[in-house]
């Protein structure tokens, strides 16, 4: 990954993570309420990351990638059920968890897309 690609990925991933944090904080008291909003944020992030590396991604392949990376959502859901309903504390924990998972998913995808671009796999 070049410095320019890393810079672009950084902006895309951090923007998506900040959006995920806002959603996580705002919808903390609704069980599973933020998943419907987080998925489009992560889809958009993945498509944007693909464009950085000249990869064309369709929504089905992006959804498959996010689904496999979303195994970590189990921990997020558990924290939301256990603590997420607590006003204030739950909002902060849910925001941090949503942002962290989005950040992690983004960097995993960016590194994989970078490898694919180097190898000429589209």
PDB file of N, CA and C in Angstrom:
ATOM      1  N   UNK A   1       0.848  -1.165   0.000  1.00  0.00           N
ATOM      2  CA  UNK A   1       0.000   0.000   0.000  1.00  0.00           C
ATOM      3  C   UNK A   1       0.899   1.236   0.000  1.00  0.00           C
ATOM      4  N   UNK A   2       0.624   2.128  -0.913  1.00  0.00           N
ATOM      5  CA  UNK A   2       1.424   3.357  -0.987  1.00  0.00           C
ATOM      6  C   UNK A   2       0.998   4.320   0.124  1.00  0.00           C
ATOM      7  N   UNK A   3       1.806   5.346   0.329  1.00  0.00           N
ATOM      8  CA  UNK A   3       1.459   6.351   1.335  1.00  0.00           C
ATOM      9  C   UNK A   3       0.138   7.039   0.982  1.00  0.00           C
ATOM     10  N   UNK A   4      -0.047   7.326  -0.297  1.00  0.00           N
ATOM     11  CA  UNK A   4      -1.290   7.987  -0.751  1.00  0.00           C
ATOM     12  C   UNK A   4      -2.506   7.082  -0.516  1.00  0.00           C
ATOM     13  N   UNK A   5      -2.386   5.793  -0.829  1.00  0.00           N
ATOM     14  CA  UNK A   5      -3.481   4.855  -0.591  1.00  0.00           C
ATOM     15  C   UNK A   5      -3.794   4.760   0.900  1.00  0.00           C
ATOM     16  N   UNK A   6      -2.748   4.709   1.719  1.00  0.00           N
ATOM     17  CA  UNK A   6      -2.932   4.633   3.172  1.00  0.00           C
ATOM     18  C   UNK A   6      -3.646   5.895   3.678  1.00  0.00           C
ATOM     19  N   UNK A   7      -3.268   7.044   3.152  1.00  0.00           N
ATOM     20  CA  UNK A   7      -3.894   8.308   3.541  1.00  0.00           C
ATOM     21  C   UNK A   7      -5.383   8.315   3.170  1.00  0.00           C
ATOM     22  N   UNK A   8      -5.694   7.877   1.952  1.00  0.00           N
ATOM     23  CA  UNK A   8      -7.091   7.824   1.524  1.00  0.00           C
ATOM     24  C   UNK A   8      -7.892   6.828   2.369  1.00  0.00           C
ATOM     25  N   UNK A   9      -7.297   5.660   2.609  1.00  0.00           N
ATOM     26  CA  UNK A   9      -7.969   4.648   3.441  1.00  0.00           C
ATOM     27  C   UNK A   9      -8.211   5.179   4.848  1.00  0.00           C
ATOM     28  N   UNK A  10      -7.222   5.864   5.375  1.00  0.00           N
ATOM     29  CA  UNK A  10      -7.334   6.434   6.709  1.00  0.00           C
ATOM     30  C   UNK A  10      -8.552   7.357   6.802  1.00  0.00           C
ATOM     31  N   UNK A  11      -8.719   8.234   5.827  1.00  0.00           N
ATOM     32  CA  UNK A  11      -9.858   9.148   5.825  1.00  0.00           C
ATOM     33  C   UNK A  11     -11.182   8.420   5.712  1.00  0.00           C
ATOM     34  N   UNK A  12     -11.245   7.435   4.825  1.00  0.00           N
ATOM     35  CA  UNK A  12     -12.479   6.672   4.625  1.00  0.00           C
ATOM     36  C   UNK A  12     -12.846   5.898   5.887  1.00  0.00           C
ATOM     37  N   UNK A  13     -11.870   5.201   6.440  1.00  0.00           N
ATOM     38  CA  UNK A  13     -12.122   4.356   7.604  1.00  0.00           C
ATOM     39  C   UNK A  13     -12.478   5.192   8.829  1.00  0.00           C
ATOM     40  N   UNK A  14     -11.750   6.280   9.056  1.00  0.00           N
ATOM     41  CA  UNK A  14     -12.050   7.115  10.222  1.00  0.00           C
ATOM     42  C   UNK A  14     -13.408   7.794  10.107  1.00  0.00           C
ATOM     43  N   UNK A  15     -13.783   8.193   8.903  1.00  0.00           N
ATOM     44  CA  UNK A  15     -15.101   8.801   8.703  1.00  0.00           C
ATOM     45  C   UNK A  15     -16.197   7.784   8.998  1.00  0.00           C
ATOM     46  N   UNK A  16     -16.037   6.565   8.477  1.00  0.00           N
ATOM     47  CA  UNK A  16     -17.025   5.513   8.719  1.00  0.00           C
ATOM     48  C   UNK A  16     -17.081   5.154  10.206  1.00  0.00           C
ATOM     49  N   UNK A  17     -15.931   5.108  10.851  1.00  0.00           N
ATOM     50  CA  UNK A  17     -15.889   4.778  12.281  1.00  0.00           C
ATOM     51  C   UNK A  17     -16.557   5.853  13.121  1.00  0.00           C
ATOM     52  N   UNK A  18     -16.347   7.113  12.752  1.00  0.00           N
ATOM     53  CA  UNK A  18     -17.005   8.212  13.475  1.00  0.00           C
ATOM     54  C   UNK A  18     -18.519   8.142  13.292  1.00  0.00           C
ATOM     55  N   UNK A  19     -18.955   7.838  12.072  1.00  0.00           N
ATOM     56  CA  UNK A  19     -20.393   7.691  11.818  1.00  0.00           C
ATOM     57  C   UNK A  19     -20.947   6.517  12.628  1.00  0.00           C
ATOM     58  N   UNK A  20     -20.207   5.412  12.671  1.00  0.00           N
ATOM     59  CA  UNK A  20     -20.639   4.237  13.436  1.00  0.00           C
ATOM     60  C   UNK A  20     -20.734   4.566  14.929  1.00  0.00           C
ATOM     61  N   UNK A  21     -19.782   5.345  15.425  1.00  0.00           N
ATOM     62  CA  UNK A  21     -19.820   5.750  16.836  1.00  0.00           C
ATOM     63  C   UNK A  21     -21.073   6.572  17.128  1.00  0.00           C
ATOM     64  N   UNK A  22     -21.401   7.487  16.239  1.00  0.00           N
ATOM     65  CA  UNK A  22     -22.599   8.302  16.427  1.00  0.00           C
ATOM     66  C   UNK A  22     -23.864   7.459  16.441  1.00  0.00           C
ATOM     67  N   UNK A  23     -23.920   6.510  15.533  1.00  0.00           N
ATOM     68  CA  UNK A  23     -25.073   5.612  15.477  1.00  0.00           C
ATOM     69  C   UNK A  23     -25.123   4.746  16.735  1.00  0.00           C
ATOM     70  N   UNK A  24     -23.972   4.189  17.108  1.00  0.00           N
ATOM     71  CA  UNK A  24     -23.917   3.345  18.299  1.00  0.00           C
ATOM     72  C   UNK A  24     -24.338   4.079  19.553  1.00  0.00           C
ATOM     73  N   UNK A  25     -23.903   5.311  19.692  1.00  0.00           N
ATOM     74  CA  UNK A  25     -24.267   6.104  20.866  1.00  0.00           C
ATOM     75  C   UNK A  25     -25.753   6.459  20.850  1.00  0.00           C
ATOM     76  N   UNK A  26     -26.241   6.822  19.686  1.00  0.00           N
ATOM     77  CA  UNK A  26     -27.626   7.270  19.590  1.00  0.00           C
ATOM     78  C   UNK A  26     -28.651   6.179  19.728  1.00  0.00           C
ATOM     79  N   UNK A  27     -28.280   4.970  19.336  1.00  0.00           N
ATOM     80  CA  UNK A  27     -29.254   3.876  19.349  1.00  0.00           C
ATOM     81  C   UNK A  27     -28.909   2.798  20.373  1.00  0.00           C
ATOM     82  N   UNK A  28     -28.149   3.146  21.390  1.00  0.00           N
ATOM     83  CA  UNK A  28     -27.663   2.167  22.365  1.00  0.00           C
ATOM     84  C   UNK A  28     -28.788   1.454  23.108  1.00  0.00           C
ATOM     85  N   UNK A  29     -29.860   2.119  23.395  1.00  0.00           N
ATOM     86  CA  UNK A  29     -30.916   1.507  24.187  1.00  0.00           C
ATOM     87  C   UNK A  29     -31.872   0.637  23.369  1.00  0.00           C
ATOM     88  N   UNK A  30     -31.692   0.593  22.063  1.00  0.00           N
ATOM     89  CA  UNK A  30     -32.536  -0.256  21.216  1.00  0.00           C
ATOM     90  C   UNK A  30     -31.778  -1.533  20.887  1.00  0.00           C
ATOM     91  N   UNK A  31     -32.244  -2.679  21.369  1.00  0.00           N
ATOM     92  CA  UNK A  31     -31.538  -3.930  21.066  1.00  0.00           C
ATOM     93  C   UNK A  31     -31.465  -4.157  19.558  1.00  0.00           C
ATOM     94  N   UNK A  32     -30.271  -4.328  19.064  1.00  0.00           N
ATOM     95  CA  UNK A  32     -30.009  -4.574  17.648  1.00  0.00           C
ATOM     96  C   UNK A  32     -30.502  -3.437  16.748  1.00  0.00           C
ATOM     97  N   UNK A  33     -30.873  -2.303  17.339  1.00  0.00           N
ATOM     98  CA  UNK A  33     -31.434  -1.196  16.576  1.00  0.00           C
ATOM     99  C   UNK A  33     -30.446  -0.522  15.649  1.00  0.00           C
ATOM    100  N   UNK A  34     -29.163  -0.613  15.955  1.00  0.00           N
ATOM    101  CA  UNK A  34     -28.177   0.090  15.134  1.00  0.00           C
ATOM    102  C   UNK A  34     -27.643  -0.742  13.975  1.00  0.00           C
ATOM    103  N   UNK A  35     -27.909  -2.037  13.959  1.00  0.00           N
ATOM    104  CA  UNK A  35     -27.384  -2.879  12.877  1.00  0.00           C
ATOM    105  C   UNK A  35     -27.894  -2.447  11.509  1.00  0.00           C
ATOM    106  N   UNK A  36     -29.150  -2.031  11.444  1.00  0.00           N
ATOM    107  CA  UNK A  36     -29.730  -1.616  10.160  1.00  0.00           C
ATOM    108  C   UNK A  36     -29.055  -0.359   9.624  1.00  0.00           C
ATOM    109  N   UNK A  37     -28.482   0.448  10.501  1.00  0.00           N
ATOM    110  CA  UNK A  37     -27.812   1.673  10.082  1.00  0.00           C
ATOM    111  C   UNK A  37     -26.308   1.437   9.904  1.00  0.00           C
ATOM    112  N   UNK A  38     -25.720   0.593  10.727  1.00  0.00           N
ATOM    113  CA  UNK A  38     -24.278   0.326  10.625  1.00  0.00           C
ATOM    114  C   UNK A  38     -23.915  -0.420   9.343  1.00  0.00           C
ATOM    115  N   UNK A  39     -24.763  -1.328   8.907  1.00  0.00           N
ATOM    116  CA  UNK A  39     -24.449  -2.113   7.701  1.00  0.00           C
ATOM    117  C   UNK A  39     -24.262  -1.224   6.477  1.00  0.00           C
ATOM    118  N   UNK A  40     -25.161  -0.272   6.181  1.00  0.00           N
ATOM    119  CA  UNK A  40     -24.912   0.603   5.029  1.00  0.00           C
ATOM    120  C   UNK A  40     -23.647   1.463   5.176  1.00  0.00           C
ATOM    121  N   UNK A  41     -23.323   1.873   6.399  1.00  0.00           N
ATOM    122  CA  UNK A  41     -22.091   2.637   6.632  1.00  0.00           C
ATOM    123  C   UNK A  41     -20.892   1.774   6.258  1.00  0.00           C
ATOM    124  N   UNK A  42     -20.893   0.524   6.698  1.00  0.00           N
ATOM    125  CA  UNK A  42     -19.785  -0.373   6.420  1.00  0.00           C
ATOM    126  C   UNK A  42     -19.738  -0.778   4.945  1.00  0.00           C
ATOM    127  N   UNK A  43     -20.892  -0.934   4.311  1.00  0.00           N
ATOM    128  CA  UNK A  43     -20.927  -1.222   2.874  1.00  0.00           C
ATOM    129  C   UNK A  43     -20.308  -0.080   2.081  1.00  0.00           C
ATOM    130  N   UNK A  44     -20.704   1.132   2.412  1.00  0.00           N
ATOM    131  CA  UNK A  44     -20.168   2.310   1.726  1.00  0.00           C
ATOM    132  C   UNK A  44     -18.664   2.413   1.933  1.00  0.00           C
ATOM    133  N   UNK A  45     -18.219   2.139   3.157  1.00  0.00           N
ATOM    134  CA  UNK A  45     -16.790   2.168   3.453  1.00  0.00           C
ATOM    135  C   UNK A  45     -16.055   1.147   2.586  1.00  0.00           C
ATOM    136  N   UNK A  46     -16.584  -0.063   2.496  1.00  0.00           N
ATOM    137  CA  UNK A  46     -15.920  -1.115   1.726  1.00  0.00           C
ATOM    138  C   UNK A  46     -15.848  -0.770   0.241  1.00  0.00           C
ATOM    139  N   UNK A  47     -16.925  -0.253  -0.306  1.00  0.00           N
ATOM    140  CA  UNK A  47     -16.933   0.132  -1.717  1.00  0.00           C
ATOM    141  C   UNK A  47     -15.935   1.256  -1.969  1.00  0.00           C
ATOM    142  N   UNK A  48     -15.897   2.232  -1.061  1.00  0.00           N
ATOM    143  CA  UNK A  48     -14.953   3.347  -1.189  1.00  0.00           C
ATOM    144  C   UNK A  48     -13.510   2.873  -1.094  1.00  0.00           C
ATOM    145  N   UNK A  49     -13.243   1.928  -0.200  1.00  0.00           N
ATOM    146  CA  UNK A  49     -11.890   1.379  -0.076  1.00  0.00           C
ATOM    147  C   UNK A  49     -11.491   0.650  -1.352  1.00  0.00           C
ATOM    148  N   UNK A  50     -12.416  -0.085  -1.929  1.00  0.00           N
ATOM    149  CA  UNK A  50     -12.133  -0.775  -3.184  1.00  0.00           C
ATOM    150  C   UNK A  50     -11.738   0.196  -4.281  1.00  0.00           C
ATOM    151  N   UNK A  51     -12.420   1.337  -4.335  1.00  0.00           N
ATOM    152  CA  UNK A  51     -12.120   2.344  -5.356  1.00  0.00           C
ATOM    153  C   UNK A  51     -10.709   2.904  -5.204  1.00  0.00           C
ATOM    154  N   UNK A  52     -10.231   3.002  -3.965  1.00  0.00           N
ATOM    155  CA  UNK A  52      -8.866   3.494  -3.731  1.00  0.00           C
ATOM    156  C   UNK A  52      -7.857   2.625  -4.480  1.00  0.00           C
ATOM    157  N   UNK A  53      -8.137   1.328  -4.541  1.00  0.00           N
ATOM    158  CA  UNK A  53      -7.204   0.378  -5.163  1.00  0.00           C
ATOM    159  C   UNK A  53      -7.613  -0.007  -6.582  1.00  0.00           C
ATOM    160  N   UNK A  54      -8.606   0.702  -7.121  1.00  0.00           N
ATOM    161  CA  UNK A  54      -9.042   0.424  -8.482  1.00  0.00           C
ATOM    162  C   UNK A  54      -9.833  -0.865  -8.611  1.00  0.00           C
ATOM    163  N   UNK A  55     -10.406  -1.332  -7.504  1.00  0.00           N
ATOM    164  CA  UNK A  55     -11.194  -2.559  -7.526  1.00  0.00           C
ATOM    165  C   UNK A  55     -12.674  -2.210  -7.644  1.00  0.00           C
ATOM    166  N   UNK A  56     -13.368  -2.941  -8.476  1.00  0.00           N
ATOM    167  CA  UNK A  56     -14.802  -2.761  -8.607  1.00  0.00           C
ATOM    168  C   UNK A  56     -15.477  -3.811  -7.739  1.00  0.00           C
ATOM    169  N   UNK A  57     -16.292  -3.341  -6.830  1.00  0.00           N
ATOM    170  CA  UNK A  57     -16.960  -4.246  -5.904  1.00  0.00           C
ATOM    171  C   UNK A  57     -18.461  -4.142  -6.094  1.00  0.00           C
ATOM    172  N   UNK A  58     -19.121  -5.275  -6.158  1.00  0.00           N
ATOM    173  CA  UNK A  58     -20.574  -5.215  -6.162  1.00  0.00           C
ATOM    174  C   UNK A  58     -21.060  -5.433  -4.733  1.00  0.00           C
ATOM    175  N   UNK A  59     -22.308  -5.099  -4.482  1.00  0.00           N
ATOM    176  CA  UNK A  59     -22.804  -5.162  -3.114  1.00  0.00           C
ATOM    177  C   UNK A  59     -22.802  -6.569  -2.546  1.00  0.00           C
ATOM    178  N   UNK A  60     -23.019  -7.588  -3.368  1.00  0.00           N
ATOM    179  CA  UNK A  60     -23.042  -8.949  -2.834  1.00  0.00           C
ATOM    180  C   UNK A  60     -21.670  -9.376  -2.330  1.00  0.00           C
ATOM    181  N   UNK A  61     -20.602  -9.009  -3.060  1.00  0.00           N
ATOM    182  CA  UNK A  61     -19.272  -9.386  -2.593  1.00  0.00           C
ATOM    183  C   UNK A  61     -18.880  -8.588  -1.352  1.00  0.00           C
ATOM    184  N   UNK A  62     -19.307  -7.335  -1.295  1.00  0.00           N
ATOM    185  CA  UNK A  62     -19.022  -6.522  -0.116  1.00  0.00           C
ATOM    186  C   UNK A  62     -19.777  -7.075   1.091  1.00  0.00           C
ATOM    187  N   UNK A  63     -21.039  -7.434   0.884  1.00  0.00           N
ATOM    188  CA  UNK A  63     -21.824  -7.996   1.986  1.00  0.00           C
ATOM    189  C   UNK A  63     -21.201  -9.288   2.499  1.00  0.00           C
ATOM    190  N   UNK A  64     -20.683 -10.093   1.597  1.00  0.00           N
ATOM    191  CA  UNK A  64     -20.034 -11.339   2.007  1.00  0.00           C
ATOM    192  C   UNK A  64     -18.794 -11.049   2.851  1.00  0.00           C
ATOM    193  N   UNK A  65     -18.019 -10.050   2.431  1.00  0.00           N
ATOM    194  CA  UNK A  65     -16.833  -9.673   3.194  1.00  0.00           C
ATOM    195  C   UNK A  65     -17.183  -9.140   4.563  1.00  0.00           C
ATOM    196  N   UNK A  66     -18.200  -8.308   4.612  1.00  0.00           N
ATOM    197  CA  UNK A  66     -18.623  -7.755   5.900  1.00  0.00           C
ATOM    198  C   UNK A  66     -19.221  -8.846   6.775  1.00  0.00           C
ATOM    199  N   UNK A  67     -19.955  -9.771   6.177  1.00  0.00           N
ATOM    200  CA  UNK A  67     -20.546 -10.857   6.961  1.00  0.00           C
ATOM    201  C   UNK A  67     -19.469 -11.697   7.634  1.00  0.00           C
ATOM    202  N   UNK A  68     -18.393 -11.985   6.906  1.00  0.00           N
ATOM    203  CA  UNK A  68     -17.335 -12.782   7.517  1.00  0.00           C
ATOM    204  C   UNK A  68     -16.593 -11.979   8.587  1.00  0.00           C
ATOM    205  N   UNK A  69     -16.428 -10.695   8.356  1.00  0.00           N
ATOM    206  CA  UNK A  69     -15.759  -9.853   9.346  1.00  0.00           C
ATOM    207  C   UNK A  69     -16.662  -9.552  10.529  1.00  0.00           C
ATOM    208  N   UNK A  70     -17.951  -9.738  10.331  1.00  0.00           N
ATOM    209  CA  UNK A  70     -18.915  -9.378  11.367  1.00  0.00           C
ATOM    210  C   UNK A  70     -19.014 -10.401  12.483  1.00  0.00           C
ATOM    211  N   UNK A  71     -18.163 -11.394  12.466  1.00  0.00           N
ATOM    212  CA  UNK A  71     -18.158 -12.340  13.578  1.00  0.00           C
ATOM    213  C   UNK A  71     -17.927 -11.594  14.891  1.00  0.00           C
ATOM    214  N   UNK A  72     -17.178 -10.511  14.814  1.00  0.00           N
ATOM    215  CA  UNK A  72     -16.945  -9.680  15.990  1.00  0.00           C
ATOM    216  C   UNK A  72     -18.194  -8.984  16.484  1.00  0.00           C
ATOM    217  N   UNK A  73     -19.221  -8.963  15.642  1.00  0.00           N
ATOM    218  CA  UNK A  73     -20.485  -8.343  16.055  1.00  0.00           C
ATOM    219  C   UNK A  73     -21.088  -9.089  17.242  1.00  0.00           C
ATOM    220  N   UNK A  74     -20.737 -10.355  17.411  1.00  0.00           N
ATOM    221  CA  UNK A  74     -21.254 -11.130  18.531  1.00  0.00           C
ATOM    222  C   UNK A  74     -20.860 -10.458  19.843  1.00  0.00           C
ATOM    223  N   UNK A  75     -19.594 -10.053  19.940  1.00  0.00           N
ATOM    224  CA  UNK A  75     -19.139  -9.363  21.146  1.00  0.00           C
ATOM    225  C   UNK A  75     -19.828  -8.032  21.327  1.00  0.00           C
ATOM    226  N   UNK A  76     -20.040  -7.344  20.223  1.00  0.00           N
ATOM    227  CA  UNK A  76     -20.710  -6.059  20.274  1.00  0.00           C
ATOM    228  C   UNK A  76     -22.150  -6.232  20.741  1.00  0.00           C
ATOM    229  N   UNK A  77     -22.810  -7.245  20.223  1.00  0.00           N
ATOM    230  CA  UNK A  77     -24.191  -7.504  20.618  1.00  0.00           C
ATOM    231  C   UNK A  77     -24.249  -7.879  22.086  1.00  0.00           C
ATOM    232  N   UNK A  78     -23.309  -8.698  22.546  1.00  0.00           N
ATOM    233  CA  UNK A  78     -23.277  -9.079  23.956  1.00  0.00           C
ATOM    234  C   UNK A  78     -23.082  -7.863  24.846  1.00  0.00           C
ATOM    235  N   UNK A  79     -22.171  -6.963  24.463  1.00  0.00           N
ATOM    236  CA  UNK A  79     -21.958  -5.767  25.286  1.00  0.00           C
ATOM    237  C   UNK A  79     -23.189  -4.880  25.270  1.00  0.00           C
ATOM    238  N   UNK A  80     -23.885  -4.844  24.135  1.00  0.00           N
ATOM    239  CA  UNK A  80     -25.087  -4.017  24.046  1.00  0.00           C
ATOM    240  C   UNK A  80     -26.186  -4.581  24.936  1.00  0.00           C
ATOM    241  N   UNK A  81     -26.331  -5.904  24.953  1.00  0.00           N
ATOM    242  CA  UNK A  81     -27.366  -6.525  25.775  1.00  0.00           C
ATOM    243  C   UNK A  81     -27.040  -6.369  27.256  1.00  0.00           C
ATOM    244  N   UNK A  82     -25.768  -6.561  27.602  1.00  0.00           N
ATOM    245  CA  UNK A  82     -25.377  -6.506  29.005  1.00  0.00           C
ATOM    246  C   UNK A  82     -25.317  -5.088  29.571  1.00  0.00           C
ATOM    247  N   UNK A  83     -24.832  -4.144  28.775  1.00  0.00           N
ATOM    248  CA  UNK A  83     -24.575  -2.803  29.296  1.00  0.00           C
ATOM    249  C   UNK A  83     -25.252  -1.714  28.478  1.00  0.00           C
ATOM    250  N   UNK A  84     -25.556  -2.003  27.221  1.00  0.00           N
ATOM    251  CA  UNK A  84     -26.051  -0.979  26.303  1.00  0.00           C
ATOM    252  C   UNK A  84     -27.303  -0.265  26.733  1.00  0.00           C
ATOM    253  N   UNK A  85     -28.119  -0.911  27.534  1.00  0.00           N
ATOM    254  CA  UNK A  85     -29.377  -0.293  27.948  1.00  0.00           C
ATOM    255  C   UNK A  85     -29.187   0.742  29.048  1.00  0.00           C
ATOM    256  N   UNK A  86     -28.024   0.810  29.662  1.00  0.00           N
ATOM    257  CA  UNK A  86     -27.768   1.787  30.722  1.00  0.00           C
ATOM    258  C   UNK A  86     -27.544   3.167  30.103  1.00  0.00           C
ATOM    259  N   UNK A  87     -28.404   4.125  30.414  1.00  0.00           N
ATOM    260  CA  UNK A  87     -28.211   5.473  29.847  1.00  0.00           C
ATOM    261  C   UNK A  87     -26.840   6.043  30.217  1.00  0.00           C
ATOM    262  N   UNK A  88     -26.214   6.680  29.286  1.00  0.00           N
ATOM    263  CA  UNK A  88     -24.888   7.278  29.498  1.00  0.00           C
ATOM    264  C   UNK A  88     -23.787   6.262  29.298  1.00  0.00           C
ATOM    265  N   UNK A  89     -23.640   5.343  30.235  1.00  0.00           N
ATOM    266  CA  UNK A  89     -22.591   4.319  30.157  1.00  0.00           C
ATOM    267  C   UNK A  89     -22.793   3.454  28.920  1.00  0.00           C
ATOM    268  N   UNK A  90     -24.008   3.000  28.706  1.00  0.00           N
ATOM    269  CA  UNK A  90     -24.312   2.157  27.554  1.00  0.00           C
ATOM    270  C   UNK A  90     -24.054   2.873  26.239  1.00  0.00           C
ATOM    271  N   UNK A  91     -24.386   4.161  26.208  1.00  0.00           N
ATOM    272  CA  UNK A  91     -24.172   4.940  24.986  1.00  0.00           C
ATOM    273  C   UNK A  91     -22.685   5.016  24.644  1.00  0.00           C
ATOM    274  N   UNK A  92     -21.866   5.271  25.649  1.00  0.00           N
ATOM    275  CA  UNK A  92     -20.420   5.382  25.430  1.00  0.00           C
ATOM    276  C   UNK A  92     -19.837   4.042  25.003  1.00  0.00           C
ATOM    277  N   UNK A  93     -20.192   2.988  25.712  1.00  0.00           N
ATOM    278  CA  UNK A  93     -19.654   1.664  25.390  1.00  0.00           C
ATOM    279  C   UNK A  93     -20.098   1.229  24.001  1.00  0.00           C
ATOM    280  N   UNK A  94     -21.355   1.446  23.668  1.00  0.00           N
ATOM    281  CA  UNK A  94     -21.857   1.057  22.353  1.00  0.00           C
ATOM    282  C   UNK A  94     -21.172   1.868  21.248  1.00  0.00           C
ATOM    283  N   UNK A  95     -20.947   3.150  21.487  1.00  0.00           N
ATOM    284  CA  UNK A  95     -20.263   3.994  20.499  1.00  0.00           C
ATOM    285  C   UNK A  95     -18.835   3.515  20.263  1.00  0.00           C
ATOM    286  N   UNK A  96     -18.117   3.249  21.339  1.00  0.00           N
ATOM    287  CA  UNK A  96     -16.720   2.796  21.229  1.00  0.00           C
ATOM    288  C   UNK A  96     -16.661   1.436  20.530  1.00  0.00           C
ATOM    289  N   UNK A  97     -17.565   0.546  20.882  1.00  0.00           N
ATOM    290  CA  UNK A  97     -17.569  -0.786  20.274  1.00  0.00           C
ATOM    291  C   UNK A  97     -17.880  -0.704  18.786  1.00  0.00           C
ATOM    292  N   UNK A  98     -18.896   0.071  18.409  1.00  0.00           N
ATOM    293  CA  UNK A  98     -19.266   0.202  16.982  1.00  0.00           C
ATOM    294  C   UNK A  98     -18.122   0.820  16.183  1.00  0.00           C
ATOM    295  N   UNK A  99     -17.491   1.846  16.735  1.00  0.00           N
ATOM    296  CA  UNK A  99     -16.377   2.499  16.042  1.00  0.00           C
ATOM    297  C   UNK A  99     -15.188   1.558  15.919  1.00  0.00           C
ATOM    298  N   UNK A 100     -14.863   0.837  16.980  1.00  0.00           N
ATOM    299  CA  UNK A 100     -13.711  -0.078  16.961  1.00  0.00           C
ATOM    300  C   UNK A 100     -13.893  -1.193  15.951  1.00  0.00           C
ATOM    301  N   UNK A 101     -15.084  -1.774  15.909  1.00  0.00           N
ATOM    302  CA  UNK A 101     -15.323  -2.853  14.950  1.00  0.00           C
ATOM    303  C   UNK A 101     -15.300  -2.338  13.514  1.00  0.00           C
ATOM    304  N   UNK A 102     -15.868  -1.169  13.289  1.00  0.00           N
ATOM    305  CA  UNK A 102     -15.847  -0.592  11.944  1.00  0.00           C
ATOM    306  C   UNK A 102     -14.411  -0.292  11.525  1.00  0.00           C
ATOM    307  N   UNK A 103     -13.632   0.242  12.432  1.00  0.00           N
ATOM    308  CA  UNK A 103     -12.213   0.536  12.165  1.00  0.00           C
ATOM    309  C   UNK A 103     -11.459  -0.751  11.827  1.00  0.00           C
ATOM    310  N   UNK A 104     -11.684  -1.786  12.605  1.00  0.00           N
ATOM    311  CA  UNK A 104     -11.007  -3.060  12.380  1.00  0.00           C
ATOM    312  C   UNK A 104     -11.400  -3.677  11.045  1.00  0.00           C
ATOM    313  N   UNK A 105     -12.691  -3.705  10.764  1.00  0.00           N
ATOM    314  CA  UNK A 105     -13.172  -4.234   9.488  1.00  0.00           C
ATOM    315  C   UNK A 105     -12.561  -3.440   8.329  1.00  0.00           C
ATOM    316  N   UNK A 106     -12.527  -2.123   8.472  1.00  0.00           N
ATOM    317  CA  UNK A 106     -11.981  -1.268   7.415  1.00  0.00           C
ATOM    318  C   UNK A 106     -10.528  -1.560   7.119  1.00  0.00           C
ATOM    319  N   UNK A 107      -9.696  -1.678   8.147  1.00  0.00           N
ATOM    320  CA  UNK A 107      -8.274  -1.920   7.916  1.00  0.00           C
ATOM    321  C   UNK A 107      -8.005  -3.331   7.399  1.00  0.00           C
ATOM    322  N   UNK A 108      -8.814  -4.302   7.833  1.00  0.00           N
ATOM    323  CA  UNK A 108      -8.671  -5.657   7.283  1.00  0.00           C
ATOM    324  C   UNK A 108      -8.963  -5.626   5.788  1.00  0.00           C
ATOM    325  N   UNK A 109     -10.050  -4.959   5.416  1.00  0.00           N
ATOM    326  CA  UNK A 109     -10.410  -4.865   4.000  1.00  0.00           C
ATOM    327  C   UNK A 109      -9.364  -4.079   3.211  1.00  0.00           C
ATOM    328  N   UNK A 110      -8.892  -2.969   3.756  1.00  0.00           N
ATOM    329  CA  UNK A 110      -7.902  -2.152   3.043  1.00  0.00           C
ATOM    330  C   UNK A 110      -6.638  -2.956   2.761  1.00  0.00           C
ATOM    331  N   UNK A 111      -6.172  -3.704   3.743  1.00  0.00           N
ATOM    332  CA  UNK A 111      -4.966  -4.514   3.543  1.00  0.00           C
ATOM    333  C   UNK A 111      -5.209  -5.609   2.514  1.00  0.00           C
ATOM    334  N   UNK A 112      -6.376  -6.228   2.564  1.00  0.00           N
ATOM    335  CA  UNK A 112      -6.693  -7.280   1.593  1.00  0.00           C
ATOM    336  C   UNK A 112      -6.834  -6.694   0.188  1.00  0.00           C
ATOM    337  N   UNK A 113      -7.518  -5.561   0.074  1.00  0.00           N
ATOM    338  CA  UNK A 113      -7.680  -4.919  -1.231  1.00  0.00           C
ATOM    339  C   UNK A 113      -6.326  -4.479  -1.780  1.00  0.00           C
ATOM    340  N   UNK A 114      -5.442  -4.005  -0.902  1.00  0.00           N
ATOM    341  CA  UNK A 114      -4.098  -3.611  -1.330  1.00  0.00           C
ATOM    342  C   UNK A 114      -3.333  -4.789  -1.905  1.00  0.00           C
ATOM    343  N   UNK A 115      -3.446  -5.957  -1.241  1.00  0.00           N
ATOM    344  CA  UNK A 115      -2.784  -7.169  -1.751  1.00  0.00           C
ATOM    345  C   UNK A 115      -3.368  -7.572  -3.091  1.00  0.00           C
ATOM    346  N   UNK A 116      -4.705  -7.527  -3.203  1.00  0.00           N
ATOM    347  CA  UNK A 116      -5.357  -7.902  -4.461  1.00  0.00           C
ATOM    348  C   UNK A 116      -4.946  -6.974  -5.593  1.00  0.00           C
ATOM    349  N   UNK A 117      -4.858  -5.694  -5.307  1.00  0.00           N
ATOM    350  CA  UNK A 117      -4.460  -4.721  -6.330  1.00  0.00           C
ATOM    351  C   UNK A 117      -3.035  -4.983  -6.791  1.00  0.00           C
ATOM    352  N   UNK A 118      -2.147  -5.316  -5.860  1.00  0.00           N
ATOM    353  CA  UNK A 118      -0.754  -5.615  -6.213  1.00  0.00           C
ATOM    354  C   UNK A 118      -0.661  -6.857  -7.088  1.00  0.00           C
ATOM    355  N   UNK A 119      -1.516  -7.824  -6.806  1.00  0.00           N
ATOM    356  CA  UNK A 119      -1.480  -9.074  -7.554  1.00  0.00           C
ATOM    357  C   UNK A 119      -2.286  -9.007  -8.847  1.00  0.00           C
ATOM    358  N   UNK A 120      -3.027  -7.914  -9.023  1.00  0.00           N
ATOM    359  CA  UNK A 120      -3.835  -7.761 -10.212  1.00  0.00           C
ATOM    360  C   UNK A 120      -5.128  -8.542 -10.193  1.00  0.00           C
ATOM    361  N   UNK A 121      -5.589  -8.892  -8.977  1.00  0.00           N
ATOM    362  CA  UNK A 121      -6.865  -9.613  -8.819  1.00  0.00           C
ATOM    363  C   UNK A 121      -7.956  -8.572  -8.685  1.00  0.00           C
ATOM    364  N   UNK A 122      -8.978  -8.650  -9.532  1.00  0.00           N
ATOM    365  CA  UNK A 122     -10.067  -7.683  -9.446  1.00  0.00           C
ATOM    366  C   UNK A 122     -11.375  -8.352  -9.192  1.00  0.00           C
TER     367      UNK A 122
END
